[in-house]
Amino acid sequence: MSNGTKLFVGLFGTALMFTFIIGLAHSISTGFAGFWGGLPFTVIVIAVLSMALYDFWDECVRRK
């Protein structure tokens, strides 16, 4: 796969995942669970999104 295609598809997939996960964390924190009930999930979300961002950088952006 060419570098441009890999960059575009990786960015699109990562952005789609970010949108879904952040929306899910927002709905949990503002819904029935409240802020303190959603806090553990929010911490997990931050860890997972940082790993996804690193993987995108490692696979698509960094020159090997």
Protein backbone atom coordinates (compact mmCIF):
# COMPACT_ATOMS: atom_id res chain seq x y z
CA MET A 1 0.00 0.00 0.00
CA SER A 2 1.33 3.45 -0.81
CA ASN A 3 2.26 5.85 1.98
CA GLY A 4 -0.49 8.31 1.07
CA THR A 5 -3.18 5.63 1.10
CA LYS A 6 -1.90 4.18 4.35
CA LEU A 7 -1.89 7.64 5.94
CA PHE A 8 -5.42 8.45 4.74
CA VAL A 9 -6.97 5.13 5.79
CA GLY A 10 -5.15 5.15 9.14
CA LEU A 11 -6.23 8.72 9.88
CA PHE A 12 -9.83 7.99 8.89
CA GLY A 13 -10.01 4.84 11.01
CA THR A 14 -8.36 6.47 14.01
CA ALA A 15 -10.65 9.50 13.79
CA LEU A 16 -13.70 7.25 13.54
CA MET A 17 -12.59 5.27 16.59
CA PHE A 18 -11.86 8.47 18.55
CA THR A 19 -15.33 9.83 17.74
CA PHE A 20 -17.08 6.65 18.83
CA ILE A 21 -15.10 6.11 22.04
CA ILE A 22 -15.25 9.75 23.15
CA GLY A 23 -19.01 9.83 22.48
CA LEU A 24 -19.44 6.65 24.49
CA ALA A 25 -17.42 8.03 27.40
CA HIS A 26 -19.40 11.27 27.29
CA SER A 27 -22.75 9.49 27.36
CA ILE A 28 -21.67 7.28 30.25
CA SER A 29 -20.33 10.21 32.28
CA THR A 30 -23.37 12.44 31.74
CA GLY A 31 -25.95 9.70 32.04
CA PHE A 32 -26.96 7.42 34.88
CA ALA A 33 -23.39 6.72 36.07
CA GLY A 34 -22.55 10.37 36.63
CA PHE A 35 -19.07 11.80 36.68
CA TRP A 36 -17.68 9.63 39.48
CA GLY A 37 -19.23 6.47 38.05
CA GLY A 38 -17.82 7.21 34.61
CA LEU A 39 -14.39 8.24 35.84
CA PRO A 40 -12.82 4.74 35.73
CA PHE A 41 -14.12 4.30 32.18
CA THR A 42 -12.75 7.71 31.23
CA VAL A 43 -9.30 6.76 32.54
CA ILE A 44 -9.42 3.55 30.48
CA VAL A 45 -10.54 5.53 27.42
CA ILE A 46 -7.59 7.91 27.75
CA ALA A 47 -5.18 4.98 27.94
CA VAL A 48 -6.72 3.18 24.96
CA LEU A 49 -6.86 6.31 22.79
CA SER A 50 -3.24 7.14 23.55
CA MET A 51 -2.26 3.60 22.50
CA ALA A 52 -4.30 3.95 19.29
CA LEU A 53 -2.67 7.28 18.53
CA TYR A 54 0.80 5.79 19.09
CA ASP A 55 -0.04 2.84 16.83
CA PHE A 56 -1.23 5.21 14.08
CA TRP A 57 2.00 7.18 14.36
CA ASP A 58 4.11 4.03 14.42
CA GLU A 59 2.42 2.41 11.41
CA CYS A 60 1.61 5.37 9.17
CA VAL A 61 3.73 8.40 10.01
CA ARG A 62 7.11 7.23 11.30
CA ARG A 63 9.74 6.45 8.71
CA LYS A 64 11.24 3.01 9.23
